[in-house]
Amino acid sequence: GQAGSYSVLVSNAACALAGVGPEESLG
């Protein structure tokens, strides 16, 4: 049941100031 797609969201203050969401890696 642990098989599947794993990805990560990366963000910093710039993303918040720019009003954009975090950057997401490919699965």
mmCIF file of all heavy atoms, coordinates in Angstrom:
data_MODEL
# 
_entry.id   MODEL 
# 
loop_
_atom_site.group_PDB 
_atom_site.id 
_atom_site.type_symbol 
_atom_site.label_atom_id 
_atom_site.label_alt_id 
_atom_site.label_comp_id 
_atom_site.label_asym_id 
_atom_site.label_entity_id 
_atom_site.label_seq_id 
_atom_site.pdbx_PDB_ins_code 
_atom_site.Cartn_x 
_atom_site.Cartn_y 
_atom_site.Cartn_z 
_atom_site.occupancy 
_atom_site.B_iso_or_equiv 
_atom_site.pdbx_formal_charge 
_atom_site.auth_seq_id 
_atom_site.auth_comp_id 
_atom_site.auth_asym_id 
_atom_site.auth_atom_id 
_atom_site.pdbx_PDB_model_num 
ATOM 1   N N   . GLY A 1 1  ? 0.803  -1.223 0.000   1.00 0.00 ? 1  GLY A N   1 
ATOM 2   C CA  . GLY A 1 1  ? 0.000  0.000  0.000   1.00 0.00 ? 1  GLY A CA  1 
ATOM 3   C C   . GLY A 1 1  ? 0.834  1.270  0.000   1.00 0.00 ? 1  GLY A C   1 
ATOM 4   O O   . GLY A 1 1  ? 0.305  2.369  -0.176  1.00 0.00 ? 1  GLY A O   1 
ATOM 5   N N   . GLN A 1 2  ? 2.146  1.163  0.181   1.00 0.00 ? 2  GLN A N   1 
ATOM 6   C CA  . GLN A 1 2  ? 3.012  2.337  0.178   1.00 0.00 ? 2  GLN A CA  1 
ATOM 7   C C   . GLN A 1 2  ? 3.505  2.681  -1.225  1.00 0.00 ? 2  GLN A C   1 
ATOM 8   O O   . GLN A 1 2  ? 4.193  3.698  -1.398  1.00 0.00 ? 2  GLN A O   1 
ATOM 9   C CB  . GLN A 1 2  ? 4.212  2.095  1.111   1.00 0.00 ? 2  GLN A CB  1 
ATOM 10  C CG  . GLN A 1 2  ? 3.805  1.987  2.568   1.00 0.00 ? 2  GLN A CG  1 
ATOM 11  C CD  . GLN A 1 2  ? 4.937  1.501  3.435   1.00 0.00 ? 2  GLN A CD  1 
ATOM 12  O OE1 . GLN A 1 2  ? 5.454  0.411  3.216   1.00 0.00 ? 2  GLN A OE1 1 
ATOM 13  N NE2 . GLN A 1 2  ? 5.325  2.318  4.417   1.00 0.00 ? 2  GLN A NE2 1 
ATOM 14  N N   . ALA A 1 3  ? 3.171  1.855  -2.198  1.00 0.00 ? 3  ALA A N   1 
ATOM 15  C CA  . ALA A 1 3  ? 3.543  2.176  -3.580  1.00 0.00 ? 3  ALA A CA  1 
ATOM 16  C C   . ALA A 1 3  ? 2.670  3.313  -4.104  1.00 0.00 ? 3  ALA A C   1 
ATOM 17  O O   . ALA A 1 3  ? 1.478  3.402  -3.787  1.00 0.00 ? 3  ALA A O   1 
ATOM 18  C CB  . ALA A 1 3  ? 3.413  0.936  -4.450  1.00 0.00 ? 3  ALA A CB  1 
ATOM 19  N N   . GLY A 1 4  ? 3.257  4.233  -4.878  1.00 0.00 ? 4  GLY A N   1 
ATOM 20  C CA  . GLY A 1 4  ? 2.505  5.349  -5.425  1.00 0.00 ? 4  GLY A CA  1 
ATOM 21  C C   . GLY A 1 4  ? 3.429  6.501  -5.794  1.00 0.00 ? 4  GLY A C   1 
ATOM 22  O O   . GLY A 1 4  ? 4.644  6.327  -5.951  1.00 0.00 ? 4  GLY A O   1 
ATOM 23  N N   . SER A 1 5  ? 2.852  7.696  -5.896  1.00 0.00 ? 5  SER A N   1 
ATOM 24  C CA  . SER A 1 5  ? 3.596  8.893  -6.328  1.00 0.00 ? 5  SER A CA  1 
ATOM 25  C C   . SER A 1 5  ? 3.970  9.739  -5.109  1.00 0.00 ? 5  SER A C   1 
ATOM 26  O O   . SER A 1 5  ? 3.116  10.088 -4.292  1.00 0.00 ? 5  SER A O   1 
ATOM 27  C CB  . SER A 1 5  ? 2.739  9.725  -7.287  1.00 0.00 ? 5  SER A CB  1 
ATOM 28  O OG  . SER A 1 5  ? 3.410  10.900 -7.641  1.00 0.00 ? 5  SER A OG  1 
ATOM 29  N N   . TYR A 1 6  ? 5.273  10.060 -5.006  1.00 0.00 ? 6  TYR A N   1 
ATOM 30  C CA  . TYR A 1 6  ? 5.785  10.897 -3.931  1.00 0.00 ? 6  TYR A CA  1 
ATOM 31  C C   . TYR A 1 6  ? 6.330  12.196 -4.541  1.00 0.00 ? 6  TYR A C   1 
ATOM 32  O O   . TYR A 1 6  ? 7.072  12.166 -5.534  1.00 0.00 ? 6  TYR A O   1 
ATOM 33  C CB  . TYR A 1 6  ? 6.892  10.177 -3.150  1.00 0.00 ? 6  TYR A CB  1 
ATOM 34  C CG  . TYR A 1 6  ? 6.378  9.026  -2.329  1.00 0.00 ? 6  TYR A CG  1 
ATOM 35  C CD1 . TYR A 1 6  ? 6.176  7.764  -2.905  1.00 0.00 ? 6  TYR A CD1 1 
ATOM 36  C CD2 . TYR A 1 6  ? 6.067  9.186  -0.985  1.00 0.00 ? 6  TYR A CD2 1 
ATOM 37  C CE1 . TYR A 1 6  ? 5.689  6.707  -2.151  1.00 0.00 ? 6  TYR A CE1 1 
ATOM 38  C CE2 . TYR A 1 6  ? 5.585  8.133  -0.218  1.00 0.00 ? 6  TYR A CE2 1 
ATOM 39  C CZ  . TYR A 1 6  ? 5.399  6.907  -0.806  1.00 0.00 ? 6  TYR A CZ  1 
ATOM 40  O OH  . TYR A 1 6  ? 4.917  5.870  -0.063  1.00 0.00 ? 6  TYR A OH  1 
ATOM 41  N N   . SER A 1 7  ? 5.955  13.339 -3.972  1.00 0.00 ? 7  SER A N   1 
ATOM 42  C CA  . SER A 1 7  ? 6.440  14.643 -4.434  1.00 0.00 ? 7  SER A CA  1 
ATOM 43  C C   . SER A 1 7  ? 6.672  15.532 -3.222  1.00 0.00 ? 7  SER A C   1 
ATOM 44  O O   . SER A 1 7  ? 6.273  15.187 -2.105  1.00 0.00 ? 7  SER A O   1 
ATOM 45  C CB  . SER A 1 7  ? 5.432  15.291 -5.386  1.00 0.00 ? 7  SER A CB  1 
ATOM 46  O OG  . SER A 1 7  ? 4.187  15.497 -4.731  1.00 0.00 ? 7  SER A OG  1 
ATOM 47  N N   . VAL A 1 8  ? 7.344  16.716 -3.461  1.00 0.00 ? 8  VAL A N   1 
ATOM 48  C CA  . VAL A 1 8  ? 7.640  17.616 -2.367  1.00 0.00 ? 8  VAL A CA  1 
ATOM 49  C C   . VAL A 1 8  ? 7.316  19.038 -2.790  1.00 0.00 ? 8  VAL A C   1 
ATOM 50  O O   . VAL A 1 8  ? 7.523  19.431 -3.950  1.00 0.00 ? 8  VAL A O   1 
ATOM 51  C CB  . VAL A 1 8  ? 9.109  17.483 -1.927  1.00 0.00 ? 8  VAL A CB  1 
ATOM 52  C CG1 . VAL A 1 8  ? 10.062 17.880 -3.049  1.00 0.00 ? 8  VAL A CG1 1 
ATOM 53  C CG2 . VAL A 1 8  ? 9.387  18.319 -0.677  1.00 0.00 ? 8  VAL A CG2 1 
ATOM 54  N N   . LEU A 1 9  ? 6.747  19.804 -1.895  1.00 0.00 ? 9  LEU A N   1 
ATOM 55  C CA  . LEU A 1 9  ? 6.490  21.236 -2.111  1.00 0.00 ? 9  LEU A CA  1 
ATOM 56  C C   . LEU A 1 9  ? 7.569  22.020 -1.389  1.00 0.00 ? 9  LEU A C   1 
ATOM 57  O O   . LEU A 1 9  ? 7.826  21.794 -0.201  1.00 0.00 ? 9  LEU A O   1 
ATOM 58  C CB  . LEU A 1 9  ? 5.115  21.620 -1.573  1.00 0.00 ? 9  LEU A CB  1 
ATOM 59  C CG  . LEU A 1 9  ? 3.890  20.885 -2.189  1.00 0.00 ? 9  LEU A CG  1 
ATOM 60  C CD1 . LEU A 1 9  ? 2.615  21.316 -1.479  1.00 0.00 ? 9  LEU A CD1 1 
ATOM 61  C CD2 . LEU A 1 9  ? 3.782  21.171 -3.681  1.00 0.00 ? 9  LEU A CD2 1 
ATOM 62  N N   . VAL A 1 10 ? 8.219  22.958 -2.136  1.00 0.00 ? 10 VAL A N   1 
ATOM 63  C CA  . VAL A 1 10 ? 9.279  23.793 -1.559  1.00 0.00 ? 10 VAL A CA  1 
ATOM 64  C C   . VAL A 1 10 ? 8.869  25.259 -1.694  1.00 0.00 ? 10 VAL A C   1 
ATOM 65  O O   . VAL A 1 10 ? 8.448  25.712 -2.765  1.00 0.00 ? 10 VAL A O   1 
ATOM 66  C CB  . VAL A 1 10 ? 10.630 23.546 -2.250  1.00 0.00 ? 10 VAL A CB  1 
ATOM 67  C CG1 . VAL A 1 10 ? 11.736 24.356 -1.563  1.00 0.00 ? 10 VAL A CG1 1 
ATOM 68  C CG2 . VAL A 1 10 ? 10.972 22.057 -2.261  1.00 0.00 ? 10 VAL A CG2 1 
ATOM 69  N N   . SER A 1 11 ? 8.984  25.999 -0.610  1.00 0.00 ? 11 SER A N   1 
ATOM 70  C CA  . SER A 1 11 ? 8.609  27.425 -0.631  1.00 0.00 ? 11 SER A CA  1 
ATOM 71  C C   . SER A 1 11 ? 9.545  28.212 0.265   1.00 0.00 ? 11 SER A C   1 
ATOM 72  O O   . SER A 1 11 ? 10.270 27.638 1.080   1.00 0.00 ? 11 SER A O   1 
ATOM 73  C CB  . SER A 1 11 ? 7.154  27.608 -0.183  1.00 0.00 ? 11 SER A CB  1 
ATOM 74  O OG  . SER A 1 11 ? 7.002  27.204 1.164   1.00 0.00 ? 11 SER A OG  1 
ATOM 75  N N   . ASN A 1 12 ? 9.537  29.591 0.057   1.00 0.00 ? 12 ASN A N   1 
ATOM 76  C CA  . ASN A 1 12 ? 10.272 30.486 0.956   1.00 0.00 ? 12 ASN A CA  1 
ATOM 77  C C   . ASN A 1 12 ? 9.516  31.796 1.047   1.00 0.00 ? 12 ASN A C   1 
ATOM 78  O O   . ASN A 1 12 ? 8.377  31.906 0.549   1.00 0.00 ? 12 ASN A O   1 
ATOM 79  C CB  . ASN A 1 12 ? 11.713 30.675 0.489   1.00 0.00 ? 12 ASN A CB  1 
ATOM 80  C CG  . ASN A 1 12 ? 11.802 31.309 -0.891  1.00 0.00 ? 12 ASN A CG  1 
ATOM 81  O OD1 . ASN A 1 12 ? 10.782 31.669 -1.477  1.00 0.00 ? 12 ASN A OD1 1 
ATOM 82  N ND2 . ASN A 1 12 ? 13.019 31.455 -1.418  1.00 0.00 ? 12 ASN A ND2 1 
ATOM 83  N N   . ALA A 1 13 ? 10.137 32.813 1.654   1.00 0.00 ? 13 ALA A N   1 
ATOM 84  C CA  . ALA A 1 13 ? 9.448  34.099 1.857   1.00 0.00 ? 13 ALA A CA  1 
ATOM 85  C C   . ALA A 1 13 ? 9.120  34.767 0.551   1.00 0.00 ? 13 ALA A C   1 
ATOM 86  O O   . ALA A 1 13 ? 8.136  35.502 0.433   1.00 0.00 ? 13 ALA A O   1 
ATOM 87  C CB  . ALA A 1 13 ? 10.311 35.000 2.732   1.00 0.00 ? 13 ALA A CB  1 
ATOM 88  N N   . ALA A 1 14 ? 9.976  34.546 -0.454  1.00 0.00 ? 14 ALA A N   1 
ATOM 89  C CA  . ALA A 1 14 ? 9.735  35.200 -1.742  1.00 0.00 ? 14 ALA A CA  1 
ATOM 90  C C   . ALA A 1 14 ? 8.424  34.738 -2.330  1.00 0.00 ? 14 ALA A C   1 
ATOM 91  O O   . ALA A 1 14 ? 7.698  35.504 -2.968  1.00 0.00 ? 14 ALA A O   1 
ATOM 92  C CB  . ALA A 1 14 ? 10.890 34.904 -2.687  1.00 0.00 ? 14 ALA A CB  1 
ATOM 93  N N   . CYS A 1 15 ? 8.151  33.493 -2.156  1.00 0.00 ? 15 CYS A N   1 
ATOM 94  C CA  . CYS A 1 15 ? 6.889  32.979 -2.692  1.00 0.00 ? 15 CYS A CA  1 
ATOM 95  C C   . CYS A 1 15 ? 5.709  33.686 -2.045  1.00 0.00 ? 15 CYS A C   1 
ATOM 96  O O   . CYS A 1 15 ? 4.722  34.048 -2.683  1.00 0.00 ? 15 CYS A O   1 
ATOM 97  C CB  . CYS A 1 15 ? 6.786  31.482 -2.459  1.00 0.00 ? 15 CYS A CB  1 
ATOM 98  S SG  . CYS A 1 15 ? 8.025  30.507 -3.336  1.00 0.00 ? 15 CYS A SG  1 
ATOM 99  N N   . ALA A 1 16 ? 5.839  33.938 -0.722  1.00 0.00 ? 16 ALA A N   1 
ATOM 100 C CA  . ALA A 1 16 ? 4.742  34.600 -0.017  1.00 0.00 ? 16 ALA A CA  1 
ATOM 101 C C   . ALA A 1 16 ? 4.619  36.055 -0.449  1.00 0.00 ? 16 ALA A C   1 
ATOM 102 O O   . ALA A 1 16 ? 3.514  36.572 -0.654  1.00 0.00 ? 16 ALA A O   1 
ATOM 103 C CB  . ALA A 1 16 ? 4.977  34.502 1.478   1.00 0.00 ? 16 ALA A CB  1 
ATOM 104 N N   . LEU A 1 17 ? 5.793  36.753 -0.585  1.00 0.00 ? 17 LEU A N   1 
ATOM 105 C CA  . LEU A 1 17 ? 5.738  38.160 -0.992  1.00 0.00 ? 17 LEU A CA  1 
ATOM 106 C C   . LEU A 1 17 ? 5.208  38.302 -2.398  1.00 0.00 ? 17 LEU A C   1 
ATOM 107 O O   . LEU A 1 17 ? 4.524  39.259 -2.726  1.00 0.00 ? 17 LEU A O   1 
ATOM 108 C CB  . LEU A 1 17 ? 7.122  38.792 -0.870  1.00 0.00 ? 17 LEU A CB  1 
ATOM 109 C CG  . LEU A 1 17 ? 7.645  38.941 0.578   1.00 0.00 ? 17 LEU A CG  1 
ATOM 110 C CD1 . LEU A 1 17 ? 9.082  39.440 0.555   1.00 0.00 ? 17 LEU A CD1 1 
ATOM 111 C CD2 . LEU A 1 17 ? 6.763  39.901 1.362   1.00 0.00 ? 17 LEU A CD2 1 
ATOM 112 N N   . ALA A 1 18 ? 5.572  37.304 -3.240  1.00 0.00 ? 18 ALA A N   1 
ATOM 113 C CA  . ALA A 1 18 ? 5.133  37.387 -4.631  1.00 0.00 ? 18 ALA A CA  1 
ATOM 114 C C   . ALA A 1 18 ? 3.708  36.899 -4.803  1.00 0.00 ? 18 ALA A C   1 
ATOM 115 O O   . ALA A 1 18 ? 3.132  37.002 -5.890  1.00 0.00 ? 18 ALA A O   1 
ATOM 116 C CB  . ALA A 1 18 ? 6.068  36.569 -5.518  1.00 0.00 ? 18 ALA A CB  1 
ATOM 117 N N   . GLY A 1 19 ? 3.161  36.371 -3.735  1.00 0.00 ? 19 GLY A N   1 
ATOM 118 C CA  . GLY A 1 19 ? 1.782  35.892 -3.843  1.00 0.00 ? 19 GLY A CA  1 
ATOM 119 C C   . GLY A 1 19 ? 1.647  34.661 -4.694  1.00 0.00 ? 19 GLY A C   1 
ATOM 120 O O   . GLY A 1 19 ? 0.611  34.455 -5.317  1.00 0.00 ? 19 GLY A O   1 
ATOM 121 N N   . VAL A 1 20 ? 2.723  33.856 -4.742  1.00 0.00 ? 20 VAL A N   1 
ATOM 122 C CA  . VAL A 1 20 ? 2.668  32.616 -5.527  1.00 0.00 ? 20 VAL A CA  1 
ATOM 123 C C   . VAL A 1 20 ? 2.819  31.441 -4.583  1.00 0.00 ? 20 VAL A C   1 
ATOM 124 O O   . VAL A 1 20 ? 3.362  31.555 -3.478  1.00 0.00 ? 20 VAL A O   1 
ATOM 125 C CB  . VAL A 1 20 ? 3.773  32.593 -6.607  1.00 0.00 ? 20 VAL A CB  1 
ATOM 126 C CG1 . VAL A 1 20 ? 3.562  33.707 -7.614  1.00 0.00 ? 20 VAL A CG1 1 
ATOM 127 C CG2 . VAL A 1 20 ? 5.147  32.681 -5.983  1.00 0.00 ? 20 VAL A CG2 1 
ATOM 128 N N   . GLY A 1 21 ? 2.357  30.257 -5.018  1.00 0.00 ? 21 GLY A N   1 
ATOM 129 C CA  . GLY A 1 21 ? 2.436  29.055 -4.198  1.00 0.00 ? 21 GLY A CA  1 
ATOM 130 C C   . GLY A 1 21 ? 3.828  28.453 -4.221  1.00 0.00 ? 21 GLY A C   1 
ATOM 131 O O   . GLY A 1 21 ? 4.708  28.905 -4.961  1.00 0.00 ? 21 GLY A O   1 
ATOM 132 N N   . PRO A 1 22 ? 4.012  27.425 -3.408  1.00 0.00 ? 22 PRO A N   1 
ATOM 133 C CA  . PRO A 1 22 ? 5.319  26.770 -3.367  1.00 0.00 ? 22 PRO A CA  1 
ATOM 134 C C   . PRO A 1 22 ? 5.599  26.051 -4.676  1.00 0.00 ? 22 PRO A C   1 
ATOM 135 O O   . PRO A 1 22 ? 4.697  25.716 -5.440  1.00 0.00 ? 22 PRO A O   1 
ATOM 136 C CB  . PRO A 1 22 ? 5.191  25.786 -2.213  1.00 0.00 ? 22 PRO A CB  1 
ATOM 137 C CG  . PRO A 1 22 ? 3.734  25.500 -2.109  1.00 0.00 ? 22 PRO A CG  1 
ATOM 138 C CD  . PRO A 1 22 ? 3.043  26.791 -2.503  1.00 0.00 ? 22 PRO A CD  1 
ATOM 139 N N   . GLU A 1 23 ? 6.869  25.803 -4.891  1.00 0.00 ? 23 GLU A N   1 
ATOM 140 C CA  . GLU A 1 23 ? 7.295  25.066 -6.068  1.00 0.00 ? 23 GLU A CA  1 
ATOM 141 C C   . GLU A 1 23 ? 7.153  23.581 -5.772  1.00 0.00 ? 23 GLU A C   1 
ATOM 142 O O   . GLU A 1 23 ? 7.548  23.098 -4.698  1.00 0.00 ? 23 GLU A O   1 
ATOM 143 C CB  . GLU A 1 23 ? 8.757  25.400 -6.385  1.00 0.00 ? 23 GLU A CB  1 
ATOM 144 C CG  . GLU A 1 23 ? 9.225  24.913 -7.741  1.00 0.00 ? 23 GLU A CG  1 
ATOM 145 C CD  . GLU A 1 23 ? 8.665  25.750 -8.887  1.00 0.00 ? 23 GLU A CD  1 
ATOM 146 O OE1 . GLU A 1 23 ? 8.198  26.876 -8.639  1.00 0.00 ? 23 GLU A OE1 1 
ATOM 147 O OE2 . GLU A 1 23 ? 8.670  25.256 -10.001 1.00 0.00 ? 23 GLU A OE2 1 
ATOM 148 N N   . GLU A 1 24 ? 6.586  22.803 -6.663  1.00 0.00 ? 24 GLU A N   1 
ATOM 149 C CA  . GLU A 1 24 ? 6.359  21.368 -6.457  1.00 0.00 ? 24 GLU A CA  1 
ATOM 150 C C   . GLU A 1 24 ? 7.234  20.575 -7.391  1.00 0.00 ? 24 GLU A C   1 
ATOM 151 O O   . GLU A 1 24 ? 7.319  20.862 -8.583  1.00 0.00 ? 24 GLU A O   1 
ATOM 152 C CB  . GLU A 1 24 ? 4.897  20.993 -6.687  1.00 0.00 ? 24 GLU A CB  1 
ATOM 153 C CG  . GLU A 1 24 ? 4.612  19.510 -6.449  1.00 0.00 ? 24 GLU A CG  1 
ATOM 154 C CD  . GLU A 1 24 ? 3.138  19.173 -6.614  1.00 0.00 ? 24 GLU A CD  1 
ATOM 155 O OE1 . GLU A 1 24 ? 2.350  20.067 -6.945  1.00 0.00 ? 24 GLU A OE1 1 
ATOM 156 O OE2 . GLU A 1 24 ? 2.790  17.988 -6.409  1.00 0.00 ? 24 GLU A OE2 1 
ATOM 157 N N   . SER A 1 25 ? 7.872  19.571 -6.794  1.00 0.00 ? 25 SER A N   1 
ATOM 158 C CA  . SER A 1 25 ? 8.700  18.687 -7.607  1.00 0.00 ? 25 SER A CA  1 
ATOM 159 C C   . SER A 1 25 ? 7.807  17.766 -8.423  1.00 0.00 ? 25 SER A C   1 
ATOM 160 O O   . SER A 1 25 ? 6.620  17.585 -8.120  1.00 0.00 ? 25 SER A O   1 
ATOM 161 C CB  . SER A 1 25 ? 9.617  17.861 -6.718  1.00 0.00 ? 25 SER A CB  1 
ATOM 162 O OG  . SER A 1 25 ? 8.840  16.931 -5.991  1.00 0.00 ? 25 SER A OG  1 
ATOM 163 N N   . LEU A 1 26 ? 8.429  17.199 -9.434  1.00 0.00 ? 26 LEU A N   1 
ATOM 164 C CA  . LEU A 1 26 ? 7.702  16.190 -10.187 1.00 0.00 ? 26 LEU A CA  1 
ATOM 165 C C   . LEU A 1 26 ? 7.512  14.942 -9.319  1.00 0.00 ? 26 LEU A C   1 
ATOM 166 O O   . LEU A 1 26 ? 8.340  14.635 -8.457  1.00 0.00 ? 26 LEU A O   1 
ATOM 167 C CB  . LEU A 1 26 ? 8.450  15.830 -11.467 1.00 0.00 ? 26 LEU A CB  1 
ATOM 168 C CG  . LEU A 1 26 ? 8.567  16.957 -12.505 1.00 0.00 ? 26 LEU A CG  1 
ATOM 169 C CD1 . LEU A 1 26 ? 9.393  16.486 -13.688 1.00 0.00 ? 26 LEU A CD1 1 
ATOM 170 C CD2 . LEU A 1 26 ? 7.191  17.427 -12.953 1.00 0.00 ? 26 LEU A CD2 1 
ATOM 171 N N   . GLY A 1 27 ? 6.429  14.178 -9.497  1.00 0.00 ? 27 GLY A N   1 
ATOM 172 C CA  . GLY A 1 27 ? 6.165  12.992 -8.681  1.00 0.00 ? 27 GLY A CA  1 
ATOM 173 C C   . GLY A 1 27 ? 7.155  11.869 -8.960  1.00 0.00 ? 27 GLY A C   1 
ATOM 174 O O   . GLY A 1 27 ? 7.549  11.645 -10.113 1.00 0.00 ? 27 GLY A O   1 
# 
